[in-house]
Amino acid sequence: MTYANSQPVGSRTSNPSSGRAVYLVLGMHRSGTSAITQVLALAGAALPKNVMPGDEHNAKGYFEPWRIAIFNDQRLRAAGGAWDDPFIFPYRALEPREEKRWTTRATDLFDEEFAGARYPLMKDPRVSVLGPLWRTVLDDLGLAARAVIPVRHPLEVAGSLAKRNGFPVEKSLLLWVAHMLAAELSSRDIPRAFVPYDGLLSDWRGQVARIEAAHGAPLPSLTAASAKAIDGFLTQELRHNSATGALARVPRVGALTAEVYDWFQAAARDEIRPPDALAAATATLEKMRKTLGIFVSPVTSDLAAARSDLLEARQIAAFEQNKARSLEAQLAALAAQAEDRDRLEQSLDRLLDDLLRER
C-alpha cells in the first residue's frame, strides 16, 4: 500500500456544493467510538433512523446504524472478509460492475437512514475498512466528510473484546492495527481529529475544541442544554477496562501494535508525523497476511455470516417490538381521546336537558 502525502491536521477545509457535511466516527471497535458519537449527536449531528440499542456490553448504547452495519458485513463477506478478520486491511475491491452495484446500494441505504439531514452522523467501525466505497458514496451525494478518530490503548480494547467476544489478545491487537491503519488512510484528504479516549472522559470540552479546530467548523448545535447532557453521559462508568502490562511484550504482534499506537498517540497530541511513517507497519501486516491469511480469513468470513444473520434477526425483532409498542401507545391515546369525547358529549347532553327543562 502506497501512502500519499497528507496535509496537517486542522489545515484542511471542505466546501460541498450542498452545504451538508457528514461526521464519520472511524477507528476500532471498543475504542470509544460510541462515546464520541453520542457527544457529536448531543451537539447537533443527526443519528440515523435505525440505531443499534445498548446491551450488557454497552448499556448506554452503540449508536450504530444497524442496517448499515449489516450491509457492511455483507460487503466485507463479498470480498472474503469480515470485521474481525485481522487482515481486512487494505480494502478489497470487487470487479468494477459489482463494486458499482454495492456503491448504489450503499447510496440508497444512506439516503433512507439519514433522509436529507444536514449533518448526518455515521458511526460504524466497518466504514473504516470500507473507506473507498463510502467515500465514493459521500462524494456522489455532495457531502463533505469530517472524521473523528478515537484513540484508546490497544490493550484496553483487547480486554473489552476478550469479555465480549472471547478473542485472544493477539487477534484483538491485530484487529486494532488493521482498523486504525484503515481509518488513517481513508481520512487523509478530509478534515480529521484524533481524540484520546482518556482525554474525552476527563475533559470533553477541550477535545471538542480540538475537533472544531481540526474541522475548521463549529459543531452544529452545542448549547448549554446539550453540554449538560454530555456531562451526564460521559461518566467514568464508560471505562470498563484499563491497560495492564507492556504492549511491546505481547508475542508476535506487540511490537507492531506499539509502533502504530505511538503514531496515533502523537496525532492525539497534535504532534504532526508523516503518514509515511505507517508504511512499515502496513508492510509488516501484509507479510503476516500472506503467511496466515489463508487460514484466518475464510473462517472469520463464515462466522461473520452467522453473526450478521443473527444481528439482523435481533434488530428486526427489536424494530417490530418498538413499532408494536408505538402502535399500542397511539391506540391508548386514541382511546383516551374517545373517552374524553364521550364525557364531553354526555356533559353537553346534560346541559341541553337542563336548558330544555328551564323552558
Protein backbone atom coordinates (compact mmCIF):
# COMPACT_ATOMS: atom_id res chain seq x y z
CA MET A 1 0.00 0.00 0.00
CA THR A 2 1.46 3.31 -1.06
CA TYR A 3 0.80 6.24 1.20
CA ALA A 4 0.21 9.65 -0.33
CA ASN A 5 1.19 12.97 1.17
CA SER A 6 -1.19 14.36 3.75
CA GLN A 7 -1.99 17.88 4.87
CA PRO A 8 -1.51 18.68 8.57
CA VAL A 9 -4.43 18.01 10.87
CA GLY A 10 -6.65 21.07 11.07
CA SER A 11 -5.31 22.74 7.93
CA ARG A 12 -7.93 21.38 5.55
CA THR A 13 -11.32 22.84 4.79
CA SER A 14 -14.21 21.48 2.78
CA ASN A 15 -16.82 23.33 0.77
CA PRO A 16 -19.53 20.99 -0.53
CA SER A 17 -21.95 22.35 -3.06
CA SER A 18 -24.86 21.04 -1.00
CA GLY A 19 -23.82 22.80 2.20
CA ARG A 20 -24.15 19.47 4.01
CA ALA A 21 -21.41 17.72 5.95
CA VAL A 22 -21.25 14.21 7.33
CA TYR A 23 -19.45 13.31 10.55
CA LEU A 24 -17.62 9.99 10.30
CA VAL A 25 -16.52 8.26 13.51
CA LEU A 26 -13.74 5.95 12.40
CA GLY A 27 -11.39 3.51 14.10
CA MET A 28 -11.58 0.27 16.01
CA HIS A 29 -14.50 -1.33 17.84
CA ARG A 30 -14.48 -0.80 21.64
CA SER A 31 -12.20 2.24 21.28
CA GLY A 32 -14.61 4.94 22.45
CA THR A 33 -16.47 5.28 19.15
CA SER A 34 -19.85 5.09 20.92
CA ALA A 35 -18.88 7.78 23.44
CA ILE A 36 -17.68 10.29 20.85
CA THR A 37 -20.71 9.54 18.66
CA GLN A 38 -23.11 10.45 21.45
CA VAL A 39 -21.17 13.66 22.11
CA LEU A 40 -21.49 14.64 18.44
CA ALA A 41 -25.18 13.67 18.43
CA LEU A 42 -25.93 15.77 21.50
CA ALA A 43 -24.04 18.63 19.82
CA GLY A 44 -26.39 18.61 16.85
CA ALA A 45 -25.25 15.94 14.40
CA ALA A 46 -28.02 13.62 13.18
CA LEU A 47 -28.11 9.93 14.05
CA PRO A 48 -29.70 7.52 11.54
CA LYS A 49 -33.29 6.33 11.78
CA ASN A 50 -32.39 2.83 12.96
CA VAL A 51 -29.82 2.78 15.75
CA MET A 52 -28.46 -0.32 17.45
CA PRO A 53 -29.67 -0.37 21.08
CA GLY A 54 -27.46 -0.95 24.10
CA ASP A 55 -26.86 -4.34 25.69
CA GLU A 56 -24.97 -5.87 28.58
CA HIS A 57 -21.67 -4.93 26.92
CA ASN A 58 -22.61 -1.30 26.30
CA ALA A 59 -25.61 -0.27 28.37
CA LYS A 60 -25.61 3.35 27.18
CA GLY A 61 -25.92 2.32 23.55
CA TYR A 62 -23.78 1.74 20.47
CA PHE A 63 -25.34 4.47 18.29
CA GLU A 64 -24.52 2.36 15.23
CA PRO A 65 -26.82 2.33 12.20
CA TRP A 66 -27.68 -1.36 12.38
CA ARG A 67 -28.96 -1.59 8.81
CA ILE A 68 -25.73 -0.03 7.53
CA ALA A 69 -23.71 -2.33 9.81
CA ILE A 70 -25.45 -5.37 8.31
CA PHE A 71 -24.82 -4.02 4.80
CA ASN A 72 -21.16 -3.51 5.65
CA ASP A 73 -20.88 -7.08 6.94
CA GLN A 74 -22.36 -8.32 3.68
CA ARG A 75 -19.92 -6.24 1.62
CA LEU A 76 -16.96 -7.49 3.62
CA ARG A 77 -18.07 -11.10 3.10
CA ALA A 78 -18.49 -10.47 -0.64
CA ALA A 79 -14.71 -9.97 -0.75
CA GLY A 80 -14.00 -12.90 1.57
CA GLY A 81 -13.53 -10.89 4.75
CA ALA A 82 -15.24 -9.92 8.00
CA TRP A 83 -14.98 -7.19 10.61
CA ASP A 84 -12.94 -9.49 12.86
CA ASP A 85 -10.58 -10.62 10.11
CA PRO A 86 -7.17 -9.28 11.24
CA PHE A 87 -6.16 -8.99 7.60
CA ILE A 88 -9.16 -7.00 6.37
CA PHE A 89 -6.86 -4.07 5.54
CA PRO A 90 -6.19 -2.91 2.86
CA TYR A 91 -9.53 -2.52 1.08
CA ARG A 92 -10.55 -5.43 -1.13
CA ALA A 93 -12.12 -4.06 -4.29
CA LEU A 94 -14.53 -6.15 -6.35
CA GLU A 95 -14.92 -6.37 -10.12
CA PRO A 96 -15.94 -2.86 -11.32
CA ARG A 97 -19.55 -3.65 -12.21
CA GLU A 98 -20.07 -5.49 -8.92
CA GLU A 99 -18.40 -2.67 -7.00
CA LYS A 100 -20.80 -0.21 -8.63
CA ARG A 101 -23.79 -2.31 -7.52
CA TRP A 102 -22.60 -2.21 -3.91
CA THR A 103 -22.00 1.53 -4.13
CA THR A 104 -25.53 2.07 -5.42
CA ARG A 105 -26.95 0.00 -2.58
CA ALA A 106 -24.91 1.98 -0.07
CA THR A 107 -26.11 5.29 -1.51
CA ASP A 108 -29.77 4.26 -1.32
CA LEU A 109 -29.33 2.99 2.23
CA PHE A 110 -27.63 6.19 3.35
CA ASP A 111 -30.48 8.25 1.91
CA GLU A 112 -33.05 6.08 3.68
CA GLU A 113 -31.31 6.28 7.04
CA PHE A 114 -30.49 9.99 7.08
CA ALA A 115 -33.34 11.42 4.96
CA GLY A 116 -31.54 14.57 3.85
CA ALA A 117 -30.16 15.55 7.29
CA ARG A 118 -27.80 18.49 7.04
CA TYR A 119 -25.24 16.97 9.40
CA PRO A 120 -25.52 13.17 9.23
CA LEU A 121 -23.51 11.22 11.81
CA MET A 122 -22.33 7.76 10.82
CA LYS A 123 -20.56 5.51 13.29
CA ASP A 124 -19.63 2.00 12.30
CA PRO A 125 -16.01 0.83 12.58
CA ARG A 126 -16.58 -1.23 9.42
CA VAL A 127 -16.71 2.05 7.49
CA SER A 128 -13.01 2.44 8.26
CA VAL A 129 -12.06 -0.70 6.33
CA LEU A 130 -14.64 0.08 3.63
CA GLY A 131 -13.39 3.63 3.25
CA PRO A 132 -13.08 3.72 -0.57
CA LEU A 133 -16.69 2.57 -1.01
CA TRP A 134 -18.20 5.03 1.47
CA ARG A 135 -16.06 7.95 0.35
CA THR A 136 -17.39 7.37 -3.17
CA VAL A 137 -20.95 7.40 -1.81
CA LEU A 138 -20.43 10.64 0.10
CA ASP A 139 -18.74 12.32 -2.84
CA ASP A 140 -21.60 11.32 -5.12
CA LEU A 141 -24.07 12.80 -2.63
CA GLY A 142 -22.13 16.07 -2.46
CA LEU A 143 -21.41 15.61 1.23
CA ALA A 144 -18.25 16.99 2.80
CA ALA A 145 -16.75 14.48 5.21
CA ARG A 146 -15.32 15.30 8.63
CA ALA A 147 -13.65 12.48 10.52
CA VAL A 148 -13.22 11.86 14.23
CA ILE A 149 -10.89 9.00 15.22
CA PRO A 150 -10.88 7.95 18.89
CA VAL A 151 -7.54 6.69 20.17
CA ARG A 152 -7.63 4.19 23.02
CA HIS A 153 -4.87 1.98 24.41
CA PRO A 154 -4.91 -1.25 22.36
CA LEU A 155 -4.71 -3.45 25.47
CA GLU A 156 -7.87 -1.83 26.82
CA VAL A 157 -9.57 -2.62 23.52
CA ALA A 158 -8.25 -6.19 23.74
CA GLY A 159 -9.60 -6.53 27.28
CA SER A 160 -13.04 -5.41 26.13
CA LEU A 161 -13.04 -7.79 23.16
CA ALA A 162 -11.94 -10.65 25.42
CA LYS A 163 -15.01 -10.08 27.60
CA ARG A 164 -17.47 -9.55 24.75
CA ASN A 165 -16.14 -11.91 22.07
CA GLY A 166 -13.62 -14.17 23.78
CA PHE A 167 -10.84 -13.05 21.42
CA PRO A 168 -7.22 -13.76 22.37
CA VAL A 169 -5.13 -10.65 22.89
CA GLU A 170 -3.03 -11.26 19.77
CA LYS A 171 -6.07 -11.28 17.50
CA SER A 172 -7.52 -8.16 19.12
CA LEU A 173 -4.28 -6.25 18.70
CA LEU A 174 -4.04 -7.17 15.03
CA LEU A 175 -7.65 -6.07 14.56
CA TRP A 176 -6.82 -2.78 16.23
CA VAL A 177 -3.85 -2.27 13.92
CA ALA A 178 -5.86 -3.09 10.78
CA HIS A 179 -8.78 -0.80 11.65
CA MET A 180 -6.61 2.11 12.75
CA LEU A 181 -4.43 1.93 9.64
CA ALA A 182 -7.59 1.84 7.55
CA ALA A 183 -9.12 4.79 9.41
CA GLU A 184 -5.98 6.86 8.94
CA LEU A 185 -5.67 6.08 5.24
CA SER A 186 -9.33 6.68 4.39
CA SER A 187 -9.37 10.08 6.13
CA ARG A 188 -6.15 11.64 4.85
CA ASP A 189 -7.71 14.09 2.45
CA ILE A 190 -10.51 15.32 4.74
CA PRO A 191 -10.59 17.33 7.98
CA ARG A 192 -10.00 14.95 10.86
CA ALA A 193 -9.38 14.95 14.58
CA PHE A 194 -7.67 12.26 16.65
CA VAL A 195 -9.30 12.16 20.08
CA PRO A 196 -7.71 10.38 23.07
CA TYR A 197 -10.32 8.33 24.91
CA ASP A 198 -8.91 9.30 28.31
CA GLY A 199 -9.00 12.96 27.32
CA LEU A 200 -12.61 12.67 26.19
CA LEU A 201 -13.67 11.31 29.58
CA SER A 202 -11.63 13.81 31.61
CA ASP A 203 -12.09 16.99 29.53
CA TRP A 204 -14.59 16.61 26.73
CA ARG A 205 -14.83 20.37 26.23
CA GLY A 206 -11.13 20.54 25.46
CA GLN A 207 -11.47 17.67 23.00
CA VAL A 208 -14.50 19.27 21.33
CA ALA A 209 -12.43 22.43 20.87
CA ARG A 210 -9.73 20.32 19.18
CA ILE A 211 -12.34 18.69 16.94
CA GLU A 212 -13.75 22.05 15.89
CA ALA A 213 -10.26 23.42 15.20
CA ALA A 214 -9.32 20.38 13.13
CA HIS A 215 -12.56 20.52 11.16
CA GLY A 216 -12.41 24.26 10.69
CA ALA A 217 -16.06 24.46 11.72
CA PRO A 218 -18.10 24.50 14.93
CA LEU A 219 -20.26 21.58 15.89
CA PRO A 220 -23.82 22.06 14.59
CA SER A 221 -25.55 22.92 17.86
CA LEU A 222 -23.53 22.82 21.07
CA THR A 223 -25.78 24.57 23.57
CA ALA A 224 -25.80 24.86 27.34
CA ALA A 225 -28.51 22.20 27.45
CA SER A 226 -26.55 19.80 25.25
CA ALA A 227 -23.39 20.43 27.29
CA LYS A 228 -25.28 19.46 30.44
CA ALA A 229 -26.49 16.29 28.71
CA ILE A 230 -22.92 15.44 27.68
CA ASP A 231 -21.76 15.95 31.28
CA GLY A 232 -24.35 13.41 32.37
CA PHE A 233 -23.41 10.94 29.67
CA LEU A 234 -19.61 10.95 29.91
CA THR A 235 -19.01 9.30 33.26
CA GLN A 236 -16.27 7.02 34.44
CA GLU A 237 -18.74 4.17 34.09
CA LEU A 238 -17.76 4.19 30.43
CA ARG A 239 -14.32 2.90 31.39
CA HIS A 240 -14.65 -0.85 31.81
CA ASN A 241 -11.05 -1.86 31.11
CA SER A 242 -7.65 -0.46 31.98
CA ALA A 243 -4.46 -1.33 30.17
CA THR A 244 -2.18 -3.67 32.08
CA GLY A 245 1.20 -5.00 31.02
CA ALA A 246 3.67 -3.85 28.38
CA LEU A 247 2.24 -3.71 24.90
CA ALA A 248 5.53 -4.45 23.16
CA ARG A 249 5.93 -7.70 25.11
CA VAL A 250 2.85 -9.35 23.62
CA PRO A 251 4.18 -12.22 21.49
CA ARG A 252 4.29 -11.85 17.70
CA VAL A 253 2.16 -8.70 17.41
CA GLY A 254 3.13 -6.47 20.34
CA ALA A 255 5.98 -4.59 18.66
CA LEU A 256 3.87 -3.86 15.57
CA THR A 257 0.96 -2.62 17.69
CA ALA A 258 3.24 -0.44 19.83
CA GLU A 259 4.67 1.17 16.70
CA VAL A 260 1.22 2.05 15.35
CA TYR A 261 -0.07 3.18 18.75
CA ASP A 262 2.89 5.52 19.15
CA TRP A 263 1.91 7.24 15.89
CA PHE A 264 -1.72 7.66 16.94
CA GLN A 265 -0.79 8.88 20.40
CA ALA A 266 1.30 11.61 18.80
CA ALA A 267 -1.60 12.53 16.50
CA ALA A 268 -3.91 12.77 19.52
CA ARG A 269 -1.44 15.28 20.99
CA ASP A 270 -1.47 17.26 17.74
CA GLU A 271 2.12 16.25 17.07
CA ILE A 272 2.28 16.01 13.30
CA ARG A 273 4.02 12.92 11.96
CA PRO A 274 4.05 11.96 8.29
CA PRO A 275 1.67 9.15 7.37
CA ASP A 276 4.58 7.54 5.53
CA ALA A 277 5.80 6.51 8.98
CA LEU A 278 2.98 3.93 8.97
CA ALA A 279 4.13 2.33 5.72
CA ALA A 280 6.46 -0.11 7.53
CA ALA A 281 3.61 -1.26 9.77
CA THR A 282 1.40 -1.77 6.72
CA ALA A 283 4.14 -3.83 5.08
CA THR A 284 4.52 -5.98 8.20
CA LEU A 285 0.78 -6.62 8.33
CA GLU A 286 0.82 -7.57 4.64
CA LYS A 287 3.61 -10.09 5.21
CA MET A 288 1.60 -11.67 8.01
CA ARG A 289 -1.47 -11.79 5.76
CA LYS A 290 0.43 -13.67 3.07
CA THR A 291 1.60 -16.19 5.64
CA LEU A 292 -1.52 -16.63 7.76
CA GLY A 293 -4.41 -15.05 5.90
CA ILE A 294 -5.39 -18.20 4.02
CA PHE A 295 -6.01 -19.90 7.37
CA VAL A 296 -7.76 -17.00 9.08
CA SER A 297 -9.87 -15.07 6.57
CA PRO A 298 -12.22 -17.85 5.34
CA VAL A 299 -13.06 -18.87 8.91
CA THR A 300 -13.84 -15.31 10.02
CA SER A 301 -15.96 -14.78 6.92
CA ASP A 302 -18.10 -17.86 7.67
CA LEU A 303 -18.52 -16.86 11.31
CA ALA A 304 -19.39 -13.32 10.26
CA ALA A 305 -22.24 -14.61 8.09
CA ALA A 306 -23.83 -16.36 11.06
CA ARG A 307 -23.31 -13.35 13.34
CA SER A 308 -24.72 -10.94 10.78
CA ASP A 309 -27.83 -13.08 10.23
CA LEU A 310 -28.37 -13.25 13.99
CA LEU A 311 -27.87 -9.49 14.36
CA GLU A 312 -30.34 -8.79 11.58
CA ALA A 313 -32.94 -11.09 13.15
CA ARG A 314 -32.49 -9.45 16.55
CA GLN A 315 -32.65 -5.92 15.17
CA ILE A 316 -35.73 -6.65 13.09
CA ALA A 317 -37.39 -8.19 16.14
CA ALA A 318 -36.48 -5.14 18.24
CA PHE A 319 -37.78 -2.85 15.49
CA GLU A 320 -41.08 -4.72 15.32
CA GLN A 321 -41.40 -4.67 19.12
CA ASN A 322 -40.81 -0.91 19.20
CA LYS A 323 -43.29 -0.46 16.37
CA ALA A 324 -45.87 -2.54 18.26
CA ARG A 325 -45.31 -0.51 21.44
CA SER A 326 -45.69 2.71 19.45
CA LEU A 327 -48.95 1.47 17.95
CA GLU A 328 -50.21 0.44 21.38
CA ALA A 329 -49.39 3.91 22.70
CA GLN A 330 -51.23 5.51 19.79
CA LEU A 331 -54.25 3.28 20.35
CA ALA A 332 -54.25 4.13 24.04
CA ALA A 333 -54.10 7.83 23.18
CA LEU A 334 -57.00 7.45 20.74
CA ALA A 335 -58.99 5.52 23.34
CA ALA A 336 -58.36 8.28 25.87
CA GLN A 337 -59.47 10.88 23.33
CA ALA A 338 -62.63 8.83 22.64
CA GLU A 339 -63.38 8.67 26.37
CA ASP A 340 -62.88 12.43 26.64
CA ARG A 341 -65.21 12.95 23.68
CA ASP A 342 -67.83 10.69 25.25
CA ARG A 343 -67.64 12.59 28.53
CA LEU A 344 -67.91 15.89 26.66
CA GLU A 345 -70.94 14.66 24.73
CA GLN A 346 -72.55 13.49 27.98
CA SER A 347 -71.90 16.88 29.55
CA LEU A 348 -73.40 18.64 26.55
CA ASP A 349 -76.45 16.36 26.68
CA ARG A 350 -76.99 17.16 30.36
CA LEU A 351 -76.58 20.87 29.70
CA LEU A 352 -79.10 20.69 26.86
CA ASP A 353 -81.58 18.79 29.07
CA ASP A 354 -81.23 21.43 31.75
CA LEU A 355 -81.89 24.21 29.25
CA LEU A 356 -84.98 22.43 27.88
CA ARG A 357 -86.38 21.88 31.38
CA GLU A 358 -85.91 25.57 32.25
CA ARG A 359 -88.10 26.47 29.25
